[in-house]
Amino acid sequence: MSVGVLIAVTGKLEPLLVRALTNHRGEVSVVRRCGDVGELLAAAAAGIGGIGVLDASGGDVSAQVVADLARHGVRALLLAHPDDVERTAALGAAATLPLDTPPAEIAERIAELAYRGEEPEPEAEAAAMPPPPPSPTRRQLRAEAKVGREARIIAVWGPPGSHGRSSLAAALAHALVRYGRVLLIDADLAAPSLTPRLGILDDVSGLATLSRRANQGRLDEEVLAGAVIASHGFDLVTGIGRADRWRDISTATIEPILALAREHYDAIVIDVESVPWPAADGYDQFGAQPGAVREEILAAADDVLVVAQADTVSIARLITHVQSHPVTEREHVVVTAVRNAAAGSDAARSVLEVLSRFTSVERATLISDERKALDAALLAGAPITQSAPHCAMSLVVGELASELMGTAAPARPSVLKRLAATFSRSAAT
């Protein structure tokens, strides 16, 4: 069966490439010669073709374009300027060739892509093989991997409502500093708040910068270092600043951003919005989709903190969410602001009883109401674990950080030992 080829190539190369593809007529056939990338995307959305050949030297081909083609079942072959092949290859296409490659070689590569796409899946052979042994759970892996483990990605999310999600994300990032380098990302595209919460005056969105450079295939260590701000012992990637800029963040760039961050950090905490977006059907099928970035982050996270507040409305929303999306092993329910005034006498017990009765949640992390300490932390522009390290919330967040990292917190020397070490150094000098 012949695979349809969509071509968006300009200049003298287009007729030469079409002529070269006629030698592979039994394998591929040109079904549309497009004037630009937009026309090729429209053809792909209409179900025309299985391979798209695009001239990427003009700068109008991005990682999101390649991802949109893949979403419609079209593999991309990009033709790049000879000096720009490495950057273009980072866009994630099935193949990338220099623009000066002979048309016959390009046609041969297209035929190879078509052949690879038509190879049958070895279902019968797979069925005959014995089932693999059960994989260890995430908790077992965290307990066993004491050294050499890659960075953990922890998404902080929750049902709609103001329940201290961003405060928890900042506190958790600060608590994780004792385990190594920590990156906090403000990926709340509806109401970003980490920048003012941490007392940072910055109008430049680090997340938009990373997304833009990743979409161009230009994301590297230098770009990452320039996009973060050192804050309270960890690095911060600032959010978009205004909710109307959510289109600046491309879904196709989340994976490369997180992959690069894993190489340079031991823990990555991501604050994700909980606002329910409208249905995506009313939006451009080739543009950014509201809520799609959140779904990409939640899918990539090793752990997801599902945060709710201990009051009637928030717990009801949590129950509704858990009933439709059962809690998995990588998800941790965290209930904040636990207080008798909102949850009745013995609030902690009441919350756990309600969750066990109406959901499958067997355990949850409960954080008592720390309004005064949280207000002081907000006024100081600091995480509560820094401004009030001995309050109940800070202690619980520290225990949660230990659980997520799968190890006990590094031992801290006692006050007497620190004083003795100080006097010893003074005597030596």
Protein backbone atom coordinates (compact mmCIF):
# COMPACT_ATOMS: atom_id res chain seq x y z
CA MET A 1 0.00 0.00 0.00
CA SER A 2 1.34 3.40 -1.02
CA VAL A 3 1.82 6.03 1.70
CA GLY A 4 0.69 9.55 0.88
CA VAL A 5 3.32 12.32 1.04
CA LEU A 6 2.59 15.96 1.76
CA ILE A 7 5.23 18.39 0.52
CA ALA A 8 5.79 21.98 1.66
CA VAL A 9 9.07 22.76 -0.11
CA THR A 10 9.77 25.89 -2.14
CA GLY A 11 12.14 26.70 -4.96
CA LYS A 12 13.70 24.37 -7.50
CA LEU A 13 13.84 21.48 -5.05
CA GLU A 14 10.09 20.81 -5.13
CA PRO A 15 9.72 19.57 -8.76
CA LEU A 16 12.99 17.64 -8.49
CA LEU A 17 11.78 15.91 -5.32
CA VAL A 18 8.39 15.07 -6.84
CA ARG A 19 10.17 13.60 -9.86
CA ALA A 20 12.48 11.57 -7.61
CA LEU A 21 9.52 10.17 -5.68
CA THR A 22 8.04 8.72 -8.86
CA ASN A 23 10.77 6.07 -8.69
CA HIS A 24 9.13 4.84 -5.45
CA ARG A 25 5.56 4.98 -6.73
CA GLY A 26 4.67 1.61 -5.24
CA GLU A 27 5.79 2.72 -1.76
CA VAL A 28 4.92 6.43 -1.65
CA SER A 29 2.94 8.91 -3.67
CA VAL A 30 2.68 12.68 -3.54
CA VAL A 31 -0.87 13.53 -2.52
CA ARG A 32 -0.56 17.28 -1.92
CA ARG A 33 1.97 19.96 -2.89
CA CYS A 34 1.37 22.62 -0.23
CA GLY A 35 2.21 26.29 -0.48
CA ASP A 36 3.20 26.65 3.17
CA VAL A 37 3.27 24.93 6.54
CA GLY A 38 -0.30 25.99 7.36
CA GLU A 39 -1.68 24.29 4.26
CA LEU A 40 0.26 21.12 5.05
CA LEU A 41 -1.14 21.12 8.60
CA ALA A 42 -4.66 21.51 7.23
CA ALA A 43 -4.14 18.57 4.90
CA ALA A 44 -2.82 16.48 7.77
CA ALA A 45 -5.85 17.36 9.89
CA ALA A 46 -8.09 16.25 7.03
CA GLY A 47 -6.46 12.82 7.10
CA ILE A 48 -4.52 13.27 3.89
CA GLY A 49 -1.07 11.72 3.84
CA GLY A 50 1.13 9.86 6.28
CA ILE A 51 4.45 11.68 5.74
CA GLY A 52 5.07 15.42 5.64
CA VAL A 53 8.17 16.92 4.03
CA LEU A 54 8.82 20.48 5.17
CA ASP A 55 11.45 23.09 4.41
CA ALA A 56 12.51 24.18 7.91
CA SER A 57 15.06 26.76 6.79
CA GLY A 58 12.54 29.61 6.87
CA GLY A 59 11.97 29.48 10.63
CA ASP A 60 8.24 28.68 10.45
CA VAL A 61 8.64 25.04 11.50
CA SER A 62 8.69 24.47 15.24
CA ALA A 63 8.49 21.61 17.70
CA GLN A 64 4.76 22.32 18.07
CA VAL A 65 4.27 21.93 14.30
CA VAL A 66 6.00 18.55 14.42
CA ALA A 67 3.87 17.55 17.42
CA ASP A 68 0.66 18.63 15.68
CA LEU A 69 1.56 16.53 12.64
CA ALA A 70 2.26 13.54 14.85
CA ARG A 71 -1.10 14.04 16.58
CA HIS A 72 -2.75 13.63 13.18
CA GLY A 73 -0.68 10.56 12.30
CA VAL A 74 1.79 12.30 9.98
CA ARG A 75 5.54 11.73 10.38
CA ALA A 76 7.66 14.75 9.57
CA LEU A 77 10.85 14.86 7.51
CA LEU A 78 12.53 18.25 7.85
CA LEU A 79 14.96 19.81 5.40
CA ALA A 80 17.28 22.22 7.19
CA HIS A 81 20.01 24.62 6.20
CA PRO A 82 23.33 22.73 6.33
CA ASP A 83 24.51 24.92 9.22
CA ASP A 84 21.28 24.40 11.17
CA VAL A 85 20.77 20.62 11.01
CA GLU A 86 21.56 19.98 14.68
CA ARG A 87 19.05 22.55 15.93
CA THR A 88 16.37 21.40 13.52
CA ALA A 89 16.87 17.77 14.53
CA ALA A 90 15.99 18.78 18.11
CA LEU A 91 12.43 19.61 16.98
CA GLY A 92 11.53 15.93 17.20
CA ALA A 93 10.86 15.03 13.57
CA ALA A 94 11.13 11.45 12.32
CA ALA A 95 14.09 12.49 10.15
CA THR A 96 16.13 15.61 9.41
CA LEU A 97 18.30 16.13 6.34
CA PRO A 98 20.38 19.04 5.00
CA LEU A 99 18.54 21.11 2.45
CA ASP A 100 21.27 20.46 -0.12
CA THR A 101 20.78 16.68 0.03
CA PRO A 102 20.24 15.28 -3.49
CA PRO A 103 16.53 14.77 -4.26
CA ALA A 104 17.09 11.06 -4.90
CA GLU A 105 18.49 10.59 -1.38
CA ILE A 106 15.59 12.54 0.14
CA ALA A 107 13.14 10.34 -1.77
CA GLU A 108 14.96 7.24 -0.54
CA ARG A 109 14.68 8.43 3.05
CA ILE A 110 10.95 9.12 2.59
CA ALA A 111 10.49 5.58 1.27
CA GLU A 112 12.35 4.25 4.32
CA LEU A 113 9.98 6.13 6.62
CA ALA A 114 7.02 4.72 4.75
CA TYR A 115 8.39 1.18 5.03
CA ARG A 116 9.06 1.55 8.74
CA GLY A 117 5.57 2.85 9.31
CA GLU A 118 4.00 -0.14 7.60
CA GLU A 119 5.95 -2.84 9.44
CA PRO A 120 3.40 -5.07 11.21
CA GLU A 121 3.44 -5.30 14.97
CA PRO A 122 4.71 -8.71 16.16
CA GLU A 123 1.53 -9.38 18.15
CA ALA A 124 1.65 -13.15 17.78
CA GLU A 125 5.27 -13.32 18.88
CA ALA A 126 4.59 -11.07 21.83
CA ALA A 127 1.61 -13.18 22.85
CA ALA A 128 3.76 -16.33 22.86
CA MET A 129 6.32 -14.82 25.20
CA PRO A 130 5.85 -15.36 28.94
CA PRO A 131 4.63 -12.31 30.84
CA PRO A 132 7.41 -10.22 32.36
CA PRO A 133 7.86 -10.23 36.13
CA PRO A 134 5.92 -7.52 37.97
CA SER A 135 7.69 -4.20 38.04
CA PRO A 136 8.65 -2.73 41.40
CA THR A 137 6.38 -0.01 42.68
CA ARG A 138 7.49 3.59 42.82
CA ARG A 139 7.78 3.43 46.59
CA GLN A 140 10.05 0.38 46.33
CA LEU A 141 12.21 2.13 43.76
CA ARG A 142 12.48 5.22 45.97
CA ALA A 143 13.46 3.07 48.93
CA GLU A 144 16.08 1.06 47.02
CA ALA A 145 17.66 3.81 44.92
CA LYS A 146 19.81 5.49 47.52
CA VAL A 147 22.38 6.82 45.09
CA GLY A 148 22.48 7.80 41.44
CA ARG A 149 18.75 8.40 41.14
CA GLU A 150 17.51 10.91 38.57
CA ALA A 151 15.61 14.00 39.58
CA ARG A 152 12.08 13.51 40.86
CA ILE A 153 9.36 15.58 39.25
CA ILE A 154 6.66 16.51 41.76
CA ALA A 155 3.52 18.24 40.49
CA VAL A 156 1.41 20.14 43.02
CA TRP A 157 -2.20 20.24 41.85
CA GLY A 158 -5.72 19.91 43.20
CA PRO A 159 -9.42 20.39 42.50
CA PRO A 160 -10.57 23.97 41.86
CA GLY A 161 -10.37 26.36 44.78
CA SER A 162 -7.89 28.37 46.80
CA HIS A 163 -6.41 25.81 49.14
CA GLY A 164 -2.78 26.81 49.61
CA ARG A 165 -1.37 24.92 46.64
CA SER A 166 1.26 27.51 45.74
CA SER A 167 2.27 27.98 49.39
CA LEU A 168 2.73 24.21 49.66
CA ALA A 169 4.78 24.10 46.43
CA ALA A 170 7.14 26.82 47.69
CA ALA A 171 7.46 25.19 51.11
CA LEU A 172 8.13 21.78 49.57
CA ALA A 173 10.81 23.18 47.26
CA HIS A 174 12.54 24.77 50.25
CA ALA A 175 12.28 21.53 52.28
CA LEU A 176 13.81 19.53 49.43
CA VAL A 177 16.93 21.70 49.30
CA ARG A 178 18.60 19.45 51.87
CA TYR A 179 18.53 16.62 49.30
CA GLY A 180 20.33 18.52 46.54
CA ARG A 181 19.58 21.06 43.84
CA VAL A 182 15.90 21.96 43.55
CA LEU A 183 13.99 23.66 40.74
CA LEU A 184 10.57 25.22 41.34
CA ILE A 185 8.49 25.91 38.22
CA ASP A 186 5.45 28.17 38.21
CA ALA A 187 3.33 26.41 35.57
CA ASP A 188 0.02 27.84 36.77
CA LEU A 189 -1.28 29.26 33.47
CA ALA A 190 -4.51 30.58 34.99
CA ALA A 191 -3.37 32.49 38.08
CA PRO A 192 0.43 32.39 38.54
CA SER A 193 1.42 33.57 42.02
CA LEU A 194 4.85 32.26 42.99
CA THR A 195 6.71 35.40 41.90
CA PRO A 196 4.91 37.82 44.27
CA ARG A 197 4.59 35.10 46.90
CA LEU A 198 8.37 34.79 47.07
CA GLY A 199 8.97 38.53 46.94
CA ILE A 200 10.46 38.55 43.45
CA LEU A 201 10.01 41.59 41.21
CA ASP A 202 10.50 40.19 37.73
CA ASP A 203 8.43 40.86 34.61
CA VAL A 204 10.19 38.29 32.41
CA SER A 205 8.61 34.84 32.25
CA GLY A 206 11.24 32.14 32.60
CA LEU A 207 8.72 29.49 31.54
CA ALA A 208 7.84 31.36 28.35
CA THR A 209 11.55 31.78 27.57
CA LEU A 210 12.22 28.07 27.97
CA SER A 211 9.15 27.13 25.93
CA ARG A 212 10.03 29.51 23.12
CA ARG A 213 13.62 28.30 22.88
CA ALA A 214 12.58 24.64 23.07
CA ASN A 215 10.02 25.24 20.31
CA GLN A 216 12.87 26.57 18.17
CA GLY A 217 15.14 23.65 19.04
CA ARG A 218 17.55 25.97 20.83
CA LEU A 219 17.09 24.79 24.41
CA ASP A 220 20.36 24.04 26.21
CA GLU A 221 22.07 24.36 29.58
CA GLU A 222 22.93 28.01 29.00
CA VAL A 223 19.31 28.89 28.23
CA LEU A 224 18.14 27.06 31.35
CA ALA A 225 20.68 28.86 33.52
CA GLY A 226 19.55 32.22 32.14
CA ALA A 227 15.86 31.49 32.70
CA VAL A 228 16.03 30.64 36.42
CA ILE A 229 16.21 32.93 39.43
CA ALA A 230 17.98 31.86 42.62
CA SER A 231 15.53 32.19 45.49
CA HIS A 232 15.63 30.91 49.10
CA GLY A 233 18.13 28.16 48.31
CA PHE A 234 16.42 26.81 45.20
CA ASP A 235 16.05 27.94 41.58
CA LEU A 236 12.76 29.36 40.34
CA VAL A 237 11.31 29.41 36.83
CA THR A 238 8.88 32.32 36.89
CA GLY A 239 5.40 31.94 35.38
CA ILE A 240 3.67 33.76 32.56
CA GLY A 241 2.61 36.69 34.74
CA ARG A 242 -0.84 37.10 33.13
CA ALA A 243 -3.43 34.43 32.42
CA ASP A 244 -4.00 35.73 28.87
CA ARG A 245 -0.47 34.59 27.95
CA TRP A 246 -1.25 30.86 28.32
CA ARG A 247 -0.82 30.41 24.56
CA ASP A 248 2.88 31.28 24.95
CA ILE A 249 3.50 27.83 26.45
CA SER A 250 3.64 25.01 23.94
CA THR A 251 2.69 21.46 24.90
CA ALA A 252 5.46 20.07 22.67
CA THR A 253 8.11 21.84 24.76
CA ILE A 254 7.21 20.40 28.18
CA GLU A 255 9.08 17.13 27.62
CA PRO A 256 12.40 18.71 26.50
CA ILE A 257 12.25 21.30 29.31
CA LEU A 258 11.75 18.63 31.96
CA ALA A 259 14.34 16.34 30.37
CA LEU A 260 16.95 19.12 30.54
CA ALA A 261 15.96 20.01 34.10
CA ARG A 262 16.38 16.37 35.20
CA GLU A 263 20.02 16.53 34.13
CA HIS A 264 20.83 19.46 36.42
CA TYR A 265 18.55 19.10 39.44
CA ASP A 266 17.79 16.49 42.08
CA ALA A 267 14.15 17.50 42.54
CA ILE A 268 11.73 19.50 40.41
CA VAL A 269 8.55 20.92 41.95
CA ILE A 270 5.87 22.23 39.57
CA ASP A 271 2.92 24.38 40.62
CA VAL A 272 0.05 23.53 38.25
CA GLU A 273 -3.27 25.35 37.94
CA SER A 274 -6.49 23.72 39.06
CA VAL A 275 -8.92 25.98 37.18
CA PRO A 276 -11.19 23.93 34.87
CA TRP A 277 -10.65 25.17 31.32
CA PRO A 278 -13.44 25.20 28.72
CA ALA A 279 -13.67 22.30 26.29
CA ALA A 280 -10.89 22.39 23.69
CA ASP A 281 -13.31 21.92 20.76
CA GLY A 282 -13.80 25.65 20.37
CA TYR A 283 -10.10 26.37 19.92
CA ASP A 284 -7.75 26.22 16.98
CA GLN A 285 -6.81 22.57 16.51
CA PHE A 286 -3.26 23.59 15.60
CA GLY A 287 -2.77 26.14 18.37
CA ALA A 288 -2.30 25.80 22.08
CA GLN A 289 -5.09 24.02 23.92
CA PRO A 290 -6.19 25.27 27.36
CA GLY A 291 -5.34 22.72 30.00
CA ALA A 292 -3.13 20.70 27.64
CA VAL A 293 0.09 21.90 29.29
CA ARG A 294 -1.28 20.85 32.68
CA GLU A 295 -2.07 17.38 31.36
CA GLU A 296 1.43 17.06 29.90
CA ILE A 297 2.99 17.98 33.24
CA LEU A 298 0.75 15.67 35.27
CA ALA A 299 1.56 12.80 32.90
CA ALA A 300 5.32 13.44 33.19
CA ALA A 301 5.38 13.81 36.98
CA ASP A 302 6.75 11.05 39.19
CA ASP A 303 4.51 12.22 42.03
CA VAL A 304 1.34 14.31 42.05
CA LEU A 305 0.18 16.07 45.20
CA VAL A 306 -3.60 16.39 45.07
CA VAL A 307 -4.24 19.34 47.37
CA ALA A 308 -7.53 20.30 49.00
CA GLN A 309 -8.55 22.37 51.99
CA ALA A 310 -10.35 20.98 55.02
CA ASP A 311 -13.72 22.60 54.51
CA THR A 312 -17.04 21.35 53.19
CA VAL A 313 -16.75 22.78 49.69
CA SER A 314 -13.15 21.79 49.01
CA ILE A 315 -13.54 18.27 50.42
CA ALA A 316 -16.67 17.78 48.31
CA ARG A 317 -14.71 18.77 45.19
CA LEU A 318 -11.90 16.42 46.20
CA ILE A 319 -14.35 13.54 46.62
CA THR A 320 -15.90 14.24 43.21
CA HIS A 321 -12.46 14.25 41.60
CA VAL A 322 -11.27 11.06 43.29
CA GLN A 323 -14.49 9.22 42.47
CA SER A 324 -13.98 9.92 38.74
CA HIS A 325 -10.16 9.65 38.85
CA PRO A 326 -9.13 7.02 41.41
CA VAL A 327 -5.93 7.86 43.24
CA THR A 328 -2.94 5.97 41.86
CA GLU A 329 0.27 5.09 43.65
CA ARG A 330 2.05 8.17 42.37
CA GLU A 331 -0.63 10.49 43.76
CA HIS A 332 -0.63 11.81 47.32
CA VAL A 333 -3.66 13.49 48.86
CA VAL A 334 -2.75 16.53 50.95
CA VAL A 335 -5.41 18.32 53.00
CA THR A 336 -4.45 21.80 54.20
CA ALA A 337 -5.87 24.19 56.81
CA VAL A 338 -7.26 21.41 59.00
CA ARG A 339 -9.18 23.18 61.77
CA ASN A 340 -12.15 22.40 63.96
CA ALA A 341 -13.94 25.62 63.01
CA ALA A 342 -14.42 24.40 59.42
CA ALA A 343 -14.42 20.60 59.76
CA GLY A 344 -16.08 20.09 63.14
CA SER A 345 -14.68 18.75 66.37
CA ASP A 346 -11.64 16.52 65.90
CA ALA A 347 -11.17 17.88 62.37
CA ALA A 348 -8.35 15.51 61.40
CA ARG A 349 -10.36 12.42 62.23
CA SER A 350 -13.44 13.81 60.49
CA VAL A 351 -11.52 14.47 57.27
CA LEU A 352 -10.03 10.96 57.19
CA GLU A 353 -13.39 9.34 57.93
CA VAL A 354 -15.11 11.23 55.11
CA LEU A 355 -12.37 10.33 52.62
CA SER A 356 -12.37 6.65 53.57
CA ARG A 357 -16.16 6.49 53.39
CA PHE A 358 -16.69 8.12 50.00
CA THR A 359 -13.38 7.45 48.19
CA SER A 360 -10.63 4.89 47.85
CA VAL A 361 -8.14 7.16 49.63
CA GLU A 362 -6.54 5.12 52.40
CA ARG A 363 -4.19 7.76 53.74
CA ALA A 364 -3.67 11.49 53.43
CA THR A 365 -1.20 14.08 54.63
CA LEU A 366 -3.00 16.51 56.94
CA ILE A 367 -1.65 20.02 57.53
CA SER A 368 -3.08 22.04 60.39
CA ASP A 369 -4.25 25.60 59.94
CA GLU A 370 -1.25 27.95 60.09
CA ARG A 371 -2.86 31.21 59.04
CA LYS A 372 -0.66 33.51 61.12
CA ALA A 373 2.55 31.79 60.03
CA LEU A 374 1.42 31.79 56.38
CA ASP A 375 0.54 35.48 56.55
CA ALA A 376 3.96 36.24 58.01
CA ALA A 377 5.65 34.18 55.30
CA LEU A 378 3.69 35.98 52.57
CA LEU A 379 4.59 39.34 54.06
CA ALA A 380 8.25 38.33 54.22
CA GLY A 381 8.22 36.90 50.68
CA ALA A 382 9.54 33.54 51.89
CA PRO A 383 8.41 29.91 52.13
CA ILE A 384 6.83 29.10 55.47
CA THR A 385 9.50 26.44 56.02
CA GLN A 386 12.04 29.25 56.07
CA SER A 387 10.16 31.94 57.97
CA ALA A 388 8.63 29.53 60.52
CA PRO A 389 10.72 26.33 60.40
CA HIS A 390 9.33 24.91 63.65
CA CYS A 391 5.60 25.39 63.00
CA ALA A 392 3.41 22.34 62.46
CA MET A 393 3.09 22.89 58.69
CA SER A 394 6.84 23.14 58.20
CA LEU A 395 7.41 19.91 60.10
CA VAL A 396 4.77 18.05 58.09
CA VAL A 397 6.16 19.38 54.79
CA GLY A 398 9.63 18.21 55.85
CA GLU A 399 8.27 14.71 56.50
CA LEU A 400 6.47 14.77 53.14
CA ALA A 401 9.73 15.74 51.40
CA SER A 402 11.46 12.76 53.02
CA GLU A 403 8.71 10.43 51.88
CA LEU A 404 8.79 11.72 48.30
CA MET A 405 12.56 11.36 48.06
CA GLY A 406 12.38 7.89 49.61
CA THR A 407 14.99 8.55 52.26
CA ALA A 408 15.42 10.13 55.63
CA ALA A 409 16.53 13.72 55.76
CA PRO A 410 20.30 14.21 56.11
CA ALA A 411 21.20 14.45 59.79
CA ARG A 412 21.89 17.92 61.05
CA PRO A 413 24.50 18.39 63.78
CA SER A 414 23.16 19.46 67.14
CA VAL A 415 23.61 22.99 68.42
CA LEU A 416 26.34 21.84 70.84
CA LYS A 417 28.24 20.08 68.05
CA ARG A 418 28.03 23.14 65.81
CA LEU A 419 29.29 25.36 68.62
CA ALA A 420 32.14 22.93 69.36
CA ALA A 421 33.12 22.90 65.69
CA THR A 422 33.05 26.70 65.61
CA PHE A 423 35.29 26.99 68.70
CA SER A 424 37.67 24.37 67.26
CA ARG A 425 38.08 26.36 64.05
CA SER A 426 38.62 29.56 66.06
CA ALA A 427 41.32 27.90 68.16
CA ALA A 428 43.05 26.55 65.06
CA THR A 429 43.27 29.99 63.53
